[in-house]
Amino acid sequence: MSLDITPLSSALGAQISGVDLSRDLTAEQRNAIEHALLAHQVLFFREQPITPQQQVRFAAQFGDLHVHPIYPNVPEQPEIMVLDTALTDVRDNALWHTDVTFLPTPALGAVLSAKQLPAYGGDTLWASGIAAFEALSKPLQTLLDGLTATHDFTRSFPVERFGSTADDLARWEETRRKNPPLSHPVIRTHPVSGRKALFVNDGFTTRINELEPAESEAILKLLFAHTTRPEFTIRWRWQENDIAMWDNRVTQHYAVDDYRPQRRIMHRATILGDAPF
């Protein structure tokens, strides 16, 4: 059976039906999903009740998987990160960010599964770095292309929130040691499509290296606001057993924290990528 692909906006987003992600994909299905991801940047699948093992099997068809150094995971399936508001302070997700850009090879993408949802609230938004770049003026595109920016793990994971116990502090310090601040291009070229995208995010980007501090602060403030303009974004209202899959190389996302004290549980598999250029 062929996939049914319904675009959701001109900037990004499509809903996919006609596939059961709990089962092994055929080569044709896997390639169709990959092509849809390239075209639409974030994909949504309804009514996909999958186990952590099935989620890992699905995500691993697109690359090696990452084990997050801070967040808890499913013990028997450590590649599945658990975002549970009853267990972890997830405020760092309630800002625009691109996942794990503090790594030398940030994530290619991610597969997020909704396990338990609040009665209201808890939507997630995605923004297209491609659409944002292409909407910049040519002089600003030229200025930014070739610049680099620093990405720092501690910007989203400050020690005062993630080092409250001796074990947490030891884990935080080890993660900080293994992940010192590093630089990525401000404008990233997609390794498959060749399209250019803004690759700075409020979650981890601290400065543009080649600019003076005041210049860097002003340009980053402009870019953070520009990338998240409504016309470059899409908002998803979750239903239980929904799955979202996104191209982390050219998008940002924001998990809206508007449902406390209700509980929200999500499982995420993160697919490792390559060095940005």
C-alpha atoms as a PDB file:
ATOM      1  CA  MET A   1       0.000   0.000   0.000  1.00  0.00           C
ATOM      2  CA  SER A   2       1.400   3.422  -0.945  1.00  0.00           C
ATOM      3  CA  LEU A   3       1.703   6.236   1.580  1.00  0.00           C
ATOM      4  CA  ASP A   4      -0.845   9.043   1.617  1.00  0.00           C
ATOM      5  CA  ILE A   5       1.014  12.354   2.091  1.00  0.00           C
ATOM      6  CA  THR A   6      -1.006  15.468   2.969  1.00  0.00           C
ATOM      7  CA  PRO A   7       0.981  18.741   3.143  1.00  0.00           C
ATOM      8  CA  LEU A   8      -0.003  20.953   6.077  1.00  0.00           C
ATOM      9  CA  SER A   9       1.624  24.283   5.176  1.00  0.00           C
ATOM     10  CA  SER A  10       3.815  25.787   2.484  1.00  0.00           C
ATOM     11  CA  ALA A  11       6.824  26.133   4.807  1.00  0.00           C
ATOM     12  CA  LEU A  12       6.911  22.649   6.352  1.00  0.00           C
ATOM     13  CA  GLY A  13       4.841  19.771   7.652  1.00  0.00           C
ATOM     14  CA  ALA A  14       2.910  16.832   6.210  1.00  0.00           C
ATOM     15  CA  GLN A  15       0.646  14.155   7.644  1.00  0.00           C
ATOM     16  CA  ILE A  16       1.360  10.579   6.557  1.00  0.00           C
ATOM     17  CA  SER A  17      -1.087   7.678   6.514  1.00  0.00           C
ATOM     18  CA  GLY A  18      -1.082   4.234   4.953  1.00  0.00           C
ATOM     19  CA  VAL A  19       1.790   2.789   6.990  1.00  0.00           C
ATOM     20  CA  ASP A  20       2.052   0.872  10.284  1.00  0.00           C
ATOM     21  CA  LEU A  21       5.225   1.987  12.073  1.00  0.00           C
ATOM     22  CA  SER A  22       5.052  -0.920  14.525  1.00  0.00           C
ATOM     23  CA  ARG A  23       5.911  -3.290  11.662  1.00  0.00           C
ATOM     24  CA  ASP A  24       9.072  -3.577   9.594  1.00  0.00           C
ATOM     25  CA  LEU A  25       9.015  -1.148   6.684  1.00  0.00           C
ATOM     26  CA  THR A  26       9.493  -2.271   3.144  1.00  0.00           C
ATOM     27  CA  ALA A  27      12.326  -0.605   1.233  1.00  0.00           C
ATOM     28  CA  GLU A  28       9.708   1.304  -0.731  1.00  0.00           C
ATOM     29  CA  GLN A  29       8.030   2.601   2.442  1.00  0.00           C
ATOM     30  CA  ARG A  30      11.313   3.594   4.037  1.00  0.00           C
ATOM     31  CA  ASN A  31      12.417   5.495   0.933  1.00  0.00           C
ATOM     32  CA  ALA A  32       9.037   7.209   0.620  1.00  0.00           C
ATOM     33  CA  ILE A  33       9.248   8.411   4.238  1.00  0.00           C
ATOM     34  CA  GLU A  34      12.799   9.658   3.707  1.00  0.00           C
ATOM     35  CA  HIS A  35      11.790  11.553   0.561  1.00  0.00           C
ATOM     36  CA  ALA A  36       8.764  13.032   2.352  1.00  0.00           C
ATOM     37  CA  LEU A  37      11.019  14.157   5.216  1.00  0.00           C
ATOM     38  CA  LEU A  38      13.315  15.937   2.775  1.00  0.00           C
ATOM     39  CA  ALA A  39      10.371  17.640   1.133  1.00  0.00           C
ATOM     40  CA  HIS A  40       8.346  18.580   4.221  1.00  0.00           C
ATOM     41  CA  GLN A  41      10.927  18.659   7.086  1.00  0.00           C
ATOM     42  CA  VAL A  42       8.477  17.363   9.722  1.00  0.00           C
ATOM     43  CA  LEU A  43       6.068  14.421   9.352  1.00  0.00           C
ATOM     44  CA  PHE A  44       3.104  13.432  11.503  1.00  0.00           C
ATOM     45  CA  PHE A  45       1.565   9.977  11.870  1.00  0.00           C
ATOM     46  CA  ARG A  46      -1.730   9.401  13.715  1.00  0.00           C
ATOM     47  CA  GLU A  47      -2.775   6.250  15.599  1.00  0.00           C
ATOM     48  CA  GLN A  48       0.642   4.590  15.892  1.00  0.00           C
ATOM     49  CA  PRO A  49       0.771   2.695  19.214  1.00  0.00           C
ATOM     50  CA  ILE A  50       4.368   1.459  19.266  1.00  0.00           C
ATOM     51  CA  THR A  51       6.585  -0.026  21.952  1.00  0.00           C
ATOM     52  CA  PRO A  52      10.035   1.414  22.733  1.00  0.00           C
ATOM     53  CA  GLN A  53      11.580  -1.534  20.891  1.00  0.00           C
ATOM     54  CA  GLN A  54       9.469  -0.848  17.805  1.00  0.00           C
ATOM     55  CA  GLN A  55      10.297   2.848  17.972  1.00  0.00           C
ATOM     56  CA  VAL A  56      14.011   2.069  18.052  1.00  0.00           C
ATOM     57  CA  ARG A  57      13.653  -0.335  15.142  1.00  0.00           C
ATOM     58  CA  PHE A  58      11.824   2.272  13.074  1.00  0.00           C
ATOM     59  CA  ALA A  59      14.209   5.144  13.863  1.00  0.00           C
ATOM     60  CA  ALA A  60      17.344   3.021  13.332  1.00  0.00           C
ATOM     61  CA  GLN A  61      16.397   2.531   9.693  1.00  0.00           C
ATOM     62  CA  PHE A  62      17.462   6.138   9.137  1.00  0.00           C
ATOM     63  CA  GLY A  63      20.755   6.171  11.082  1.00  0.00           C
ATOM     64  CA  ASP A  64      22.568   5.382  14.319  1.00  0.00           C
ATOM     65  CA  LEU A  65      20.770   6.443  17.497  1.00  0.00           C
ATOM     66  CA  HIS A  66      21.912   8.769  20.268  1.00  0.00           C
ATOM     67  CA  VAL A  67      21.695   8.137  24.031  1.00  0.00           C
ATOM     68  CA  HIS A  68      21.027  11.431  25.791  1.00  0.00           C
ATOM     69  CA  PRO A  69      23.565  12.223  28.532  1.00  0.00           C
ATOM     70  CA  ILE A  70      21.134  14.008  30.897  1.00  0.00           C
ATOM     71  CA  TYR A  71      17.534  12.913  30.398  1.00  0.00           C
ATOM     72  CA  PRO A  72      16.250   9.559  31.714  1.00  0.00           C
ATOM     73  CA  ASN A  73      15.638   6.737  29.290  1.00  0.00           C
ATOM     74  CA  VAL A  74      13.746   3.469  29.039  1.00  0.00           C
ATOM     75  CA  PRO A  75      16.013   1.106  31.031  1.00  0.00           C
ATOM     76  CA  GLU A  76      15.777  -1.821  28.627  1.00  0.00           C
ATOM     77  CA  GLN A  77      15.946   0.515  25.603  1.00  0.00           C
ATOM     78  CA  PRO A  78      18.359   3.351  26.435  1.00  0.00           C
ATOM     79  CA  GLU A  79      18.041   4.884  22.956  1.00  0.00           C
ATOM     80  CA  ILE A  80      14.527   5.984  23.977  1.00  0.00           C
ATOM     81  CA  MET A  81      14.674   9.217  25.942  1.00  0.00           C
ATOM     82  CA  VAL A  82      11.770   9.791  28.341  1.00  0.00           C
ATOM     83  CA  LEU A  83      10.265  13.280  28.585  1.00  0.00           C
ATOM     84  CA  ASP A  84       8.004  12.907  31.620  1.00  0.00           C
ATOM     85  CA  THR A  85       6.965  16.009  33.540  1.00  0.00           C
ATOM     86  CA  ALA A  86       6.520  13.891  36.689  1.00  0.00           C
ATOM     87  CA  LEU A  87      10.194  12.902  36.603  1.00  0.00           C
ATOM     88  CA  THR A  88      12.150  15.699  34.959  1.00  0.00           C
ATOM     89  CA  ASP A  89      12.119  19.472  34.661  1.00  0.00           C
ATOM     90  CA  VAL A  90      11.528  19.870  30.910  1.00  0.00           C
ATOM     91  CA  ARG A  91      11.498  23.671  30.802  1.00  0.00           C
ATOM     92  CA  ASP A  92      14.485  23.610  28.470  1.00  0.00           C
ATOM     93  CA  ASN A  93      12.110  22.262  25.792  1.00  0.00           C
ATOM     94  CA  ALA A  94       9.830  25.291  26.172  1.00  0.00           C
ATOM     95  CA  LEU A  95      12.010  27.479  23.984  1.00  0.00           C
ATOM     96  CA  TRP A  96      12.955  27.331  20.342  1.00  0.00           C
ATOM     97  CA  HIS A  97      15.804  24.871  19.908  1.00  0.00           C
ATOM     98  CA  THR A  98      17.436  22.381  17.568  1.00  0.00           C
ATOM     99  CA  ASP A  99      18.320  19.120  19.317  1.00  0.00           C
ATOM    100  CA  VAL A 100      21.853  18.447  20.589  1.00  0.00           C
ATOM    101  CA  THR A 101      23.662  21.070  18.500  1.00  0.00           C
ATOM    102  CA  PHE A 102      26.303  20.951  21.246  1.00  0.00           C
ATOM    103  CA  LEU A 103      27.560  17.751  19.550  1.00  0.00           C
ATOM    104  CA  PRO A 104      30.190  17.812  16.757  1.00  0.00           C
ATOM    105  CA  THR A 105      27.677  15.826  14.673  1.00  0.00           C
ATOM    106  CA  PRO A 106      24.207  17.038  15.738  1.00  0.00           C
ATOM    107  CA  ALA A 107      21.145  14.928  15.178  1.00  0.00           C
ATOM    108  CA  LEU A 108      19.915  14.137  11.695  1.00  0.00           C
ATOM    109  CA  GLY A 109      16.414  13.884  13.088  1.00  0.00           C
ATOM    110  CA  ALA A 110      14.157  12.489  15.769  1.00  0.00           C
ATOM    111  CA  VAL A 111      11.085  10.315  16.231  1.00  0.00           C
ATOM    112  CA  LEU A 112       8.762  11.479  19.030  1.00  0.00           C
ATOM    113  CA  SER A 113       5.877   9.344  20.318  1.00  0.00           C
ATOM    114  CA  ALA A 114       3.025  10.667  22.492  1.00  0.00           C
ATOM    115  CA  LYS A 115       2.397   8.267  25.390  1.00  0.00           C
ATOM    116  CA  GLN A 116       0.357  10.283  27.900  1.00  0.00           C
ATOM    117  CA  LEU A 117      -1.143  13.692  27.223  1.00  0.00           C
ATOM    118  CA  PRO A 118      -2.821  16.404  29.282  1.00  0.00           C
ATOM    119  CA  ALA A 119      -6.509  17.091  28.713  1.00  0.00           C
ATOM    120  CA  TYR A 120      -5.505  20.368  27.082  1.00  0.00           C
ATOM    121  CA  GLY A 121      -2.280  22.107  26.094  1.00  0.00           C
ATOM    122  CA  GLY A 122       1.081  20.539  25.366  1.00  0.00           C
ATOM    123  CA  ASP A 123       1.247  21.310  21.641  1.00  0.00           C
ATOM    124  CA  THR A 124       4.599  21.365  19.812  1.00  0.00           C
ATOM    125  CA  LEU A 125       5.654  23.851  17.141  1.00  0.00           C
ATOM    126  CA  TRP A 126       8.293  23.429  14.429  1.00  0.00           C
ATOM    127  CA  ALA A 127       9.996  26.134  12.367  1.00  0.00           C
ATOM    128  CA  SER A 128      11.755  25.798   9.010  1.00  0.00           C
ATOM    129  CA  GLY A 129      15.312  27.093   8.867  1.00  0.00           C
ATOM    130  CA  ILE A 130      15.148  26.776   5.079  1.00  0.00           C
ATOM    131  CA  ALA A 131      12.113  29.049   4.760  1.00  0.00           C
ATOM    132  CA  ALA A 132      13.663  31.497   7.218  1.00  0.00           C
ATOM    133  CA  PHE A 133      16.962  31.661   5.301  1.00  0.00           C
ATOM    134  CA  GLU A 134      15.291  32.085   1.930  1.00  0.00           C
ATOM    135  CA  ALA A 135      13.203  34.984   3.270  1.00  0.00           C
ATOM    136  CA  LEU A 136      16.283  36.961   4.351  1.00  0.00           C
ATOM    137  CA  SER A 137      17.505  39.775   2.123  1.00  0.00           C
ATOM    138  CA  LYS A 138      20.376  38.880  -0.197  1.00  0.00           C
ATOM    139  CA  PRO A 139      22.821  41.223   1.588  1.00  0.00           C
ATOM    140  CA  LEU A 140      22.075  39.565   4.936  1.00  0.00           C
ATOM    141  CA  GLN A 141      22.361  36.085   3.412  1.00  0.00           C
ATOM    142  CA  THR A 142      25.772  37.075   2.065  1.00  0.00           C
ATOM    143  CA  LEU A 143      26.885  38.486   5.422  1.00  0.00           C
ATOM    144  CA  LEU A 144      25.893  35.349   7.341  1.00  0.00           C
ATOM    145  CA  ASP A 145      27.175  32.745   4.894  1.00  0.00           C
ATOM    146  CA  GLY A 146      30.661  31.792   6.067  1.00  0.00           C
ATOM    147  CA  LEU A 147      30.223  32.907   9.682  1.00  0.00           C
ATOM    148  CA  THR A 148      30.309  30.427  12.570  1.00  0.00           C
ATOM    149  CA  ALA A 149      28.548  30.358  15.920  1.00  0.00           C
ATOM    150  CA  THR A 150      29.302  28.806  19.306  1.00  0.00           C
ATOM    151  CA  HIS A 151      26.915  26.175  20.693  1.00  0.00           C
ATOM    152  CA  ASP A 152      27.057  25.402  24.421  1.00  0.00           C
ATOM    153  CA  PHE A 153      25.429  22.500  26.294  1.00  0.00           C
ATOM    154  CA  THR A 154      25.057  24.581  29.474  1.00  0.00           C
ATOM    155  CA  ARG A 155      22.780  27.176  27.852  1.00  0.00           C
ATOM    156  CA  SER A 156      19.829  24.747  28.035  1.00  0.00           C
ATOM    157  CA  PHE A 157      21.182  22.565  30.852  1.00  0.00           C
ATOM    158  CA  PRO A 158      22.378  24.960  33.584  1.00  0.00           C
ATOM    159  CA  VAL A 159      23.957  23.330  36.610  1.00  0.00           C
ATOM    160  CA  GLU A 160      21.502  24.977  38.996  1.00  0.00           C
ATOM    161  CA  ARG A 161      18.641  22.956  37.439  1.00  0.00           C
ATOM    162  CA  PHE A 162      20.442  19.764  36.433  1.00  0.00           C
ATOM    163  CA  GLY A 163      22.997  19.350  39.217  1.00  0.00           C
ATOM    164  CA  SER A 164      20.806  19.422  42.308  1.00  0.00           C
ATOM    165  CA  THR A 165      21.960  16.060  43.730  1.00  0.00           C
ATOM    166  CA  ALA A 166      25.424  14.529  43.948  1.00  0.00           C
ATOM    167  CA  ASP A 167      24.591  11.990  41.232  1.00  0.00           C
ATOM    168  CA  ASP A 168      23.034  14.637  38.991  1.00  0.00           C
ATOM    169  CA  LEU A 169      26.014  16.949  39.480  1.00  0.00           C
ATOM    170  CA  ALA A 170      28.480  14.178  38.620  1.00  0.00           C
ATOM    171  CA  ARG A 171      26.489  13.378  35.469  1.00  0.00           C
ATOM    172  CA  TRP A 172      26.322  17.075  34.536  1.00  0.00           C
ATOM    173  CA  GLU A 173      30.056  17.600  35.059  1.00  0.00           C
ATOM    174  CA  GLU A 174      30.911  14.520  32.992  1.00  0.00           C
ATOM    175  CA  THR A 175      28.615  15.685  30.189  1.00  0.00           C
ATOM    176  CA  ARG A 176      30.166  19.169  30.311  1.00  0.00           C
ATOM    177  CA  ARG A 177      33.652  17.651  30.136  1.00  0.00           C
ATOM    178  CA  LYS A 178      32.742  15.527  27.120  1.00  0.00           C
ATOM    179  CA  ASN A 179      30.858  18.361  25.395  1.00  0.00           C
ATOM    180  CA  PRO A 180      32.799  21.633  25.591  1.00  0.00           C
ATOM    181  CA  PRO A 181      31.487  24.607  23.579  1.00  0.00           C
ATOM    182  CA  LEU A 182      32.033  24.172  19.842  1.00  0.00           C
ATOM    183  CA  SER A 183      31.333  25.970  16.579  1.00  0.00           C
ATOM    184  CA  HIS A 184      28.986  25.290  13.670  1.00  0.00           C
ATOM    185  CA  PRO A 185      28.197  27.339  10.543  1.00  0.00           C
ATOM    186  CA  VAL A 186      25.510  29.988  10.962  1.00  0.00           C
ATOM    187  CA  ILE A 187      24.159  28.897   7.574  1.00  0.00           C
ATOM    188  CA  ARG A 188      24.034  25.137   7.120  1.00  0.00           C
ATOM    189  CA  THR A 189      23.860  23.337   3.780  1.00  0.00           C
ATOM    190  CA  HIS A 190      21.595  20.294   3.806  1.00  0.00           C
ATOM    191  CA  PRO A 191      23.842  17.302   2.972  1.00  0.00           C
ATOM    192  CA  VAL A 192      21.205  15.683   0.728  1.00  0.00           C
ATOM    193  CA  SER A 193      19.080  18.439  -0.802  1.00  0.00           C
ATOM    194  CA  GLY A 194      21.829  21.079  -0.930  1.00  0.00           C
ATOM    195  CA  ARG A 195      19.394  23.735   0.345  1.00  0.00           C
ATOM    196  CA  LYS A 196      20.648  26.300   2.847  1.00  0.00           C
ATOM    197  CA  ALA A 197      19.109  26.907   6.256  1.00  0.00           C
ATOM    198  CA  LEU A 198      19.679  29.051   9.309  1.00  0.00           C
ATOM    199  CA  PHE A 199      21.441  26.945  11.924  1.00  0.00           C
ATOM    200  CA  VAL A 200      21.410  28.999  15.116  1.00  0.00           C
ATOM    201  CA  ASN A 201      18.957  28.394  17.944  1.00  0.00           C
ATOM    202  CA  ASP A 202      18.070  29.987  21.260  1.00  0.00           C
ATOM    203  CA  GLY A 203      18.539  26.673  23.064  1.00  0.00           C
ATOM    204  CA  PHE A 204      22.280  26.288  22.500  1.00  0.00           C
ATOM    205  CA  THR A 205      23.758  29.147  20.408  1.00  0.00           C
ATOM    206  CA  THR A 206      25.637  31.693  22.507  1.00  0.00           C
ATOM    207  CA  ARG A 207      27.446  33.940  20.010  1.00  0.00           C
ATOM    208  CA  ILE A 208      28.541  34.506  16.424  1.00  0.00           C
ATOM    209  CA  ASN A 209      32.284  34.096  16.607  1.00  0.00           C
ATOM    210  CA  GLU A 210      33.481  36.558  13.957  1.00  0.00           C
ATOM    211  CA  LEU A 211      31.433  39.506  15.255  1.00  0.00           C
ATOM    212  CA  GLU A 212      31.948  41.838  18.175  1.00  0.00           C
ATOM    213  CA  PRO A 213      29.840  40.864  21.219  1.00  0.00           C
ATOM    214  CA  ALA A 214      27.282  43.638  20.731  1.00  0.00           C
ATOM    215  CA  GLU A 215      26.988  42.834  17.013  1.00  0.00           C
ATOM    216  CA  SER A 216      26.623  39.129  17.747  1.00  0.00           C
ATOM    217  CA  GLU A 217      23.910  39.748  20.330  1.00  0.00           C
ATOM    218  CA  ALA A 218      21.927  41.972  17.967  1.00  0.00           C
ATOM    219  CA  ILE A 219      22.187  39.628  14.983  1.00  0.00           C
ATOM    220  CA  LEU A 220      21.292  36.533  17.017  1.00  0.00           C
ATOM    221  CA  LYS A 221      18.280  38.317  18.512  1.00  0.00           C
ATOM    222  CA  LEU A 222      17.142  39.210  14.996  1.00  0.00           C
ATOM    223  CA  LEU A 223      17.683  35.678  13.678  1.00  0.00           C
ATOM    224  CA  PHE A 224      15.934  33.969  16.602  1.00  0.00           C
ATOM    225  CA  ALA A 225      12.869  36.184  16.091  1.00  0.00           C
ATOM    226  CA  HIS A 226      12.973  35.904  12.302  1.00  0.00           C
ATOM    227  CA  THR A 227      13.199  32.099  12.191  1.00  0.00           C
ATOM    228  CA  THR A 228      10.104  31.673  14.360  1.00  0.00           C
ATOM    229  CA  ARG A 229       7.785  33.997  12.440  1.00  0.00           C
ATOM    230  CA  PRO A 230       4.369  32.300  12.129  1.00  0.00           C
ATOM    231  CA  GLU A 231       4.640  31.847   8.360  1.00  0.00           C
ATOM    232  CA  PHE A 232       7.718  29.658   8.840  1.00  0.00           C
ATOM    233  CA  THR A 233       6.123  27.448  11.521  1.00  0.00           C
ATOM    234  CA  ILE A 234       3.561  24.737  12.085  1.00  0.00           C
ATOM    235  CA  ARG A 235       1.774  23.792  15.319  1.00  0.00           C
ATOM    236  CA  TRP A 236       0.734  20.205  16.111  1.00  0.00           C
ATOM    237  CA  ARG A 237      -2.033  19.344  18.543  1.00  0.00           C
ATOM    238  CA  TRP A 238      -1.105  15.932  19.867  1.00  0.00           C
ATOM    239  CA  GLN A 239      -3.358  12.917  20.211  1.00  0.00           C
ATOM    240  CA  GLU A 240      -2.269   9.832  22.147  1.00  0.00           C
ATOM    241  CA  ASN A 241      -0.125   7.503  19.986  1.00  0.00           C
ATOM    242  CA  ASP A 242       0.746  10.240  17.510  1.00  0.00           C
ATOM    243  CA  ILE A 243       4.286  10.166  16.142  1.00  0.00           C
ATOM    244  CA  ALA A 244       6.258  13.116  14.802  1.00  0.00           C
ATOM    245  CA  MET A 245       9.468  12.736  12.823  1.00  0.00           C
ATOM    246  CA  TRP A 246      11.540  15.761  11.884  1.00  0.00           C
ATOM    247  CA  ASP A 247      14.685  16.749  10.024  1.00  0.00           C
ATOM    248  CA  ASN A 248      16.749  18.270  12.816  1.00  0.00           C
ATOM    249  CA  ARG A 249      19.320  19.636  10.348  1.00  0.00           C
ATOM    250  CA  VAL A 250      16.981  22.351   9.065  1.00  0.00           C
ATOM    251  CA  THR A 251      14.315  22.853  11.757  1.00  0.00           C
ATOM    252  CA  GLN A 252      13.757  24.116  15.265  1.00  0.00           C
ATOM    253  CA  HIS A 253      10.948  23.150  17.639  1.00  0.00           C
ATOM    254  CA  TYR A 254       9.206  24.397  20.760  1.00  0.00           C
ATOM    255  CA  ALA A 255       7.234  22.291  23.267  1.00  0.00           C
ATOM    256  CA  VAL A 256       4.560  24.557  24.731  1.00  0.00           C
ATOM    257  CA  ASP A 257       4.579  24.367  28.541  1.00  0.00           C
ATOM    258  CA  ASP A 258       0.943  25.359  29.127  1.00  0.00           C
ATOM    259  CA  TYR A 259      -0.566  22.310  30.838  1.00  0.00           C
ATOM    260  CA  ARG A 260       0.868  22.128  34.391  1.00  0.00           C
ATOM    261  CA  PRO A 261       0.109  20.478  36.800  1.00  0.00           C
ATOM    262  CA  GLN A 262      -1.131  17.886  34.305  1.00  0.00           C
ATOM    263  CA  ARG A 263       1.293  15.166  33.269  1.00  0.00           C
ATOM    264  CA  ARG A 264       2.770  14.717  29.794  1.00  0.00           C
ATOM    265  CA  ILE A 265       4.912  11.722  28.740  1.00  0.00           C
ATOM    266  CA  MET A 266       6.726  11.544  25.412  1.00  0.00           C
ATOM    267  CA  HIS A 267       9.300   9.036  24.122  1.00  0.00           C
ATOM    268  CA  ARG A 268      11.996  10.251  21.744  1.00  0.00           C
ATOM    269  CA  ALA A 269      14.528   8.422  19.594  1.00  0.00           C
ATOM    270  CA  THR A 270      17.258  10.699  18.256  1.00  0.00           C
ATOM    271  CA  ILE A 271      19.008   9.841  14.978  1.00  0.00           C
ATOM    272  CA  LEU A 272      22.639  10.928  14.769  1.00  0.00           C
ATOM    273  CA  GLY A 273      23.781  12.995  11.819  1.00  0.00           C
ATOM    274  CA  ASP A 274      26.991  14.440  10.432  1.00  0.00           C
ATOM    275  CA  ALA A 275      29.123  17.544  10.853  1.00  0.00           C
ATOM    276  CA  PRO A 276      27.369  20.682   9.559  1.00  0.00           C
ATOM    277  CA  PHE A 277      28.903  22.523   6.623  1.00  0.00           C
END
